[in-house]
């Protein structure tokens, strides 16, 4: 009864969160190229996840493969490179912006990637849809910082979303956050430290200044370096 109650509570929490506010801003986009438009029309429907349908483990995680999630994949540079380097792992990428999705579709076609599925709306919907302990890793890379104080409730890392992530992450699994906005890192760490579900235990400054091994840098990250902003990488673990 307790497990059913918790799952029901999380379901209503996700619905309330998405009704209140999205974690992303405008969805307007630049005109797509002919190739991108073709991929959006023909390839995207084959890769889209529909959370209105029941989770199908054989479809998303065949042969009991690990399942990783990237929230807000931007132009898809990190997601496509990581998927290419880990063909034995299945990936879900969440991104509401059509331009970013179109760029990822070009990479998927060019690299012949067969281990990526896409969700094109609020990531919290797909998190709520996933079964308990179904993910082995989550990436949150350079999320919208929502710098204005009145908009901070839209930041992704909150006590509510951490509770949702804790449900779908396996014990000991990684939650990796990257941001070049100091205040975003501070508020994220505050929420993480107040959560009993996650552990952040750096041994030295290098632990949060150095990206994980074999880290594919994104265009946004390179722009941050050029403008003198240095990212912080939080490698947080789901408590056992």
Protein backbone atom coordinates (compact mmCIF):
# COMPACT_ATOMS: atom_id res chain seq x y z
CA UNK A 1 0.00 0.00 0.00
CA UNK A 2 2.84 2.38 0.81
CA UNK A 3 4.49 1.91 -2.61
CA UNK A 4 1.18 2.51 -4.40
CA UNK A 5 0.60 5.64 -2.32
CA UNK A 6 4.07 7.02 -3.14
CA UNK A 7 3.69 6.35 -6.87
CA UNK A 8 0.26 8.00 -6.85
CA UNK A 9 1.69 10.98 -4.99
CA UNK A 10 4.54 11.35 -7.50
CA UNK A 11 2.10 11.10 -10.39
CA UNK A 12 -0.01 13.96 -9.03
CA UNK A 13 3.14 15.93 -8.21
CA UNK A 14 4.30 15.72 -11.82
CA UNK A 15 0.90 16.79 -13.11
CA UNK A 16 0.85 19.76 -10.72
CA UNK A 17 4.37 20.81 -11.69
CA UNK A 18 3.69 20.75 -15.41
CA UNK A 19 0.43 22.64 -14.96
CA UNK A 20 2.13 25.37 -12.94
CA UNK A 21 5.07 26.06 -15.22
CA UNK A 22 7.33 24.58 -17.82
CA UNK A 23 11.06 24.28 -17.23
CA UNK A 24 11.80 25.72 -20.65
CA UNK A 25 11.06 29.05 -22.33
CA UNK A 26 10.01 29.83 -25.88
CA UNK A 27 9.67 27.08 -28.49
CA UNK A 28 9.99 29.32 -31.54
CA UNK A 29 12.64 28.18 -33.97
CA UNK A 30 14.57 29.18 -37.06
CA UNK A 31 13.56 27.78 -40.40
CA UNK A 32 14.71 24.19 -40.86
CA UNK A 33 16.83 23.11 -43.81
CA UNK A 34 15.27 20.79 -46.38
CA UNK A 35 17.17 17.84 -44.91
CA UNK A 36 16.12 18.68 -41.36
CA UNK A 37 12.48 19.11 -42.40
CA UNK A 38 12.55 15.73 -44.13
CA UNK A 39 14.00 14.05 -41.03
CA UNK A 40 11.42 15.70 -38.77
CA UNK A 41 8.64 14.40 -41.00
CA UNK A 42 9.98 10.89 -41.63
CA UNK A 43 12.50 9.88 -38.92
CA UNK A 44 11.22 11.70 -35.83
CA UNK A 45 7.86 9.87 -35.66
CA UNK A 46 9.75 6.56 -35.45
CA UNK A 47 11.83 7.77 -32.49
CA UNK A 48 9.28 9.72 -30.46
CA UNK A 49 8.15 8.32 -27.12
CA UNK A 50 4.47 8.56 -26.28
CA UNK A 51 4.00 8.63 -22.48
CA UNK A 52 0.28 7.99 -22.96
CA UNK A 53 1.18 4.40 -23.83
CA UNK A 54 2.48 1.90 -21.24
CA UNK A 55 6.24 1.58 -20.77
CA UNK A 56 7.61 -1.22 -22.97
CA UNK A 57 10.88 -2.56 -21.57
CA UNK A 58 11.57 -4.74 -24.63
CA UNK A 59 11.31 -1.68 -26.86
CA UNK A 60 13.29 0.85 -24.80
CA UNK A 61 15.71 -1.49 -23.04
CA UNK A 62 16.09 -4.66 -25.15
CA UNK A 63 18.09 -7.52 -23.67
CA UNK A 64 18.10 -5.69 -20.33
CA UNK A 65 20.43 -2.95 -21.61
CA UNK A 66 21.10 0.06 -19.40
CA UNK A 67 18.88 3.08 -19.99
CA UNK A 68 20.31 6.62 -19.72
CA UNK A 69 18.39 9.89 -19.87
CA UNK A 70 19.60 13.31 -21.04
CA UNK A 71 17.36 16.24 -20.07
CA UNK A 72 17.50 19.18 -22.47
CA UNK A 73 19.99 17.91 -25.06
CA UNK A 74 20.20 21.23 -26.94
CA UNK A 75 21.80 20.59 -30.33
CA UNK A 76 22.41 16.95 -29.45
CA UNK A 77 26.23 17.08 -29.56
CA UNK A 78 26.71 15.42 -26.18
CA UNK A 79 23.87 12.94 -26.62
CA UNK A 80 24.88 11.73 -30.09
CA UNK A 81 28.57 11.43 -29.20
CA UNK A 82 27.82 9.59 -25.95
CA UNK A 83 25.38 7.25 -27.71
CA UNK A 84 27.95 6.52 -30.42
CA UNK A 85 30.61 5.70 -27.82
CA UNK A 86 28.18 3.49 -25.86
CA UNK A 87 26.27 1.49 -28.44
CA UNK A 88 25.43 -1.10 -25.76
CA UNK A 89 23.36 1.49 -23.84
CA UNK A 90 19.93 2.84 -24.72
CA UNK A 91 19.29 6.60 -24.48
CA UNK A 92 16.28 8.84 -24.04
CA UNK A 93 16.81 12.47 -24.98
CA UNK A 94 14.36 15.19 -23.87
CA UNK A 95 14.25 18.47 -25.76
CA UNK A 96 11.22 20.72 -26.47
CA UNK A 97 12.89 22.87 -29.15
CA UNK A 98 12.45 21.72 -32.74
CA UNK A 99 15.77 23.16 -33.95
CA UNK A 100 17.70 21.09 -31.42
CA UNK A 101 15.72 17.97 -32.28
CA UNK A 102 16.39 18.51 -35.98
CA UNK A 103 20.14 18.79 -35.36
CA UNK A 104 20.11 15.56 -33.38
CA UNK A 105 18.19 13.80 -36.16
CA UNK A 106 20.93 14.77 -38.63
CA UNK A 107 23.54 13.23 -36.30
CA UNK A 108 21.44 10.09 -35.82
CA UNK A 109 21.13 9.61 -39.58
CA UNK A 110 24.77 10.47 -40.32
CA UNK A 111 26.20 8.22 -37.60
CA UNK A 112 23.56 5.51 -38.08
CA UNK A 113 22.70 5.59 -34.38
CA UNK A 114 20.08 3.09 -33.32
CA UNK A 115 20.09 3.58 -29.55
CA UNK A 116 18.38 6.97 -29.12
CA UNK A 117 14.70 7.73 -28.50
CA UNK A 118 13.29 11.25 -28.20
CA UNK A 119 10.71 13.03 -26.07
CA UNK A 120 9.79 16.53 -27.26
CA UNK A 121 8.14 18.06 -24.19
CA UNK A 122 8.62 18.66 -20.47
CA UNK A 123 11.08 16.05 -19.13
CA UNK A 124 9.07 15.62 -15.95
CA UNK A 125 6.33 13.90 -17.96
CA UNK A 126 8.69 11.18 -19.15
CA UNK A 127 10.26 10.82 -15.70
CA UNK A 128 6.82 10.24 -14.23
CA UNK A 129 6.13 7.65 -16.96
CA UNK A 130 9.28 5.59 -16.33
CA UNK A 131 9.16 2.60 -13.94
CA UNK A 132 10.93 2.54 -10.58
CA UNK A 133 14.73 2.13 -10.75
CA UNK A 134 14.75 2.01 -14.56
CA UNK A 135 17.59 4.49 -15.22
CA UNK A 136 21.32 3.96 -14.73
CA UNK A 137 22.30 7.59 -15.41
CA UNK A 138 20.77 11.03 -15.91
CA UNK A 139 22.44 14.05 -17.53
CA UNK A 140 21.25 17.63 -16.98
CA UNK A 141 23.55 19.83 -19.06
CA UNK A 142 23.38 23.62 -19.07
CA UNK A 143 19.69 23.91 -18.19
CA UNK A 144 17.85 27.19 -18.56
CA UNK A 145 19.09 29.17 -15.52
CA UNK A 146 15.93 31.27 -15.20
CA UNK A 147 18.01 34.14 -13.75
CA UNK A 148 15.14 36.35 -12.62
CA UNK A 149 14.18 35.73 -9.02
CA UNK A 150 10.47 35.40 -9.80
CA UNK A 151 11.25 32.64 -12.31
CA UNK A 152 13.52 30.52 -10.11
CA UNK A 153 10.67 28.15 -9.30
CA UNK A 154 11.04 26.96 -12.89
CA UNK A 155 14.59 25.72 -12.35
CA UNK A 156 14.77 21.98 -12.82
CA UNK A 157 16.67 20.96 -9.68
CA UNK A 158 14.23 21.31 -6.79
CA UNK A 159 13.24 19.10 -3.88
CA UNK A 160 10.18 18.00 -5.85
CA UNK A 161 12.03 16.95 -8.99
CA UNK A 162 14.81 15.28 -6.97
CA UNK A 163 12.14 13.12 -5.38
CA UNK A 164 10.91 12.17 -8.84
CA UNK A 165 14.45 11.41 -10.08
CA UNK A 166 15.20 9.31 -7.01
CA UNK A 167 12.30 7.01 -7.86
CA UNK A 168 13.51 6.22 -11.40
CA UNK A 169 17.27 6.01 -10.70
CA UNK A 170 18.87 2.77 -9.62
CA UNK A 171 20.74 2.86 -6.28
CA UNK A 172 24.28 4.09 -6.89
CA UNK A 173 23.39 5.55 -10.31
CA UNK A 174 24.83 8.91 -11.41
CA UNK A 175 23.00 12.20 -11.78
CA UNK A 176 25.39 14.53 -13.62
CA UNK A 177 24.72 18.27 -13.73
CA UNK A 178 26.75 20.80 -15.71
CA UNK A 179 26.22 24.56 -15.59
CA UNK A 180 28.28 27.71 -16.07
CA UNK A 181 25.90 29.74 -13.86
CA UNK A 182 27.18 29.90 -10.29
CA UNK A 183 23.81 30.69 -8.73
CA UNK A 184 22.21 27.72 -10.48
CA UNK A 185 24.88 25.42 -9.04
CA UNK A 186 24.39 26.92 -5.56
CA UNK A 187 20.62 26.41 -5.53
CA UNK A 188 21.02 22.91 -6.99
CA UNK A 189 23.51 21.94 -4.31
CA UNK A 190 21.24 23.34 -1.63
CA UNK A 191 18.39 21.11 -2.83
CA UNK A 192 20.71 18.09 -3.16
CA UNK A 193 22.16 18.52 0.33
CA UNK A 194 18.66 18.65 1.81
CA UNK A 195 17.70 15.43 0.04
CA UNK A 196 18.30 12.07 1.67
CA UNK A 197 18.10 10.40 -1.75
CA UNK A 198 21.32 11.82 -3.22
CA UNK A 199 24.96 12.02 -2.19
CA UNK A 200 27.60 14.49 -3.39
CA UNK A 201 31.02 13.70 -1.97
CA UNK A 202 33.84 15.50 -3.83
CA UNK A 203 37.40 14.77 -2.78
CA UNK A 204 39.00 17.90 -4.25
CA UNK A 205 38.23 20.98 -6.34
CA UNK A 206 39.07 18.99 -9.46
CA UNK A 207 35.99 16.85 -8.83
CA UNK A 208 33.66 19.67 -9.80
CA UNK A 209 35.98 21.55 -12.16
CA UNK A 210 36.84 18.53 -14.32
CA UNK A 211 34.23 16.93 -16.59
CA UNK A 212 33.72 13.16 -16.49
CA UNK A 213 36.03 11.03 -18.66
CA UNK A 214 35.34 11.00 -22.40
CA UNK A 215 33.15 14.09 -22.07
CA UNK A 216 31.81 15.39 -25.42
CA UNK A 217 31.77 19.16 -25.18
CA UNK A 218 28.77 21.05 -26.55
CA UNK A 219 28.65 24.26 -28.55
CA UNK A 220 27.14 26.00 -25.56
CA UNK A 221 30.01 24.84 -23.36
CA UNK A 222 32.59 26.10 -25.86
CA UNK A 223 30.79 29.45 -25.99
CA UNK A 224 30.95 29.65 -22.19
CA UNK A 225 34.72 29.08 -22.27
CA UNK A 226 35.17 31.77 -24.93
CA UNK A 227 33.22 34.24 -22.81
CA UNK A 228 35.22 33.46 -19.68
CA UNK A 229 32.61 31.36 -17.88
CA UNK A 230 33.87 28.10 -16.43
CA UNK A 231 31.45 25.22 -15.94
CA UNK A 232 30.89 23.28 -12.76
CA UNK A 233 30.29 19.54 -13.04
CA UNK A 234 28.33 17.98 -10.21
CA UNK A 235 28.61 14.20 -10.18
CA UNK A 236 25.86 13.19 -7.75
CA UNK A 237 24.94 9.63 -6.82
CA UNK A 238 21.60 8.10 -5.97
CA UNK A 239 21.92 6.96 -2.38
CA UNK A 240 22.01 3.19 -1.93
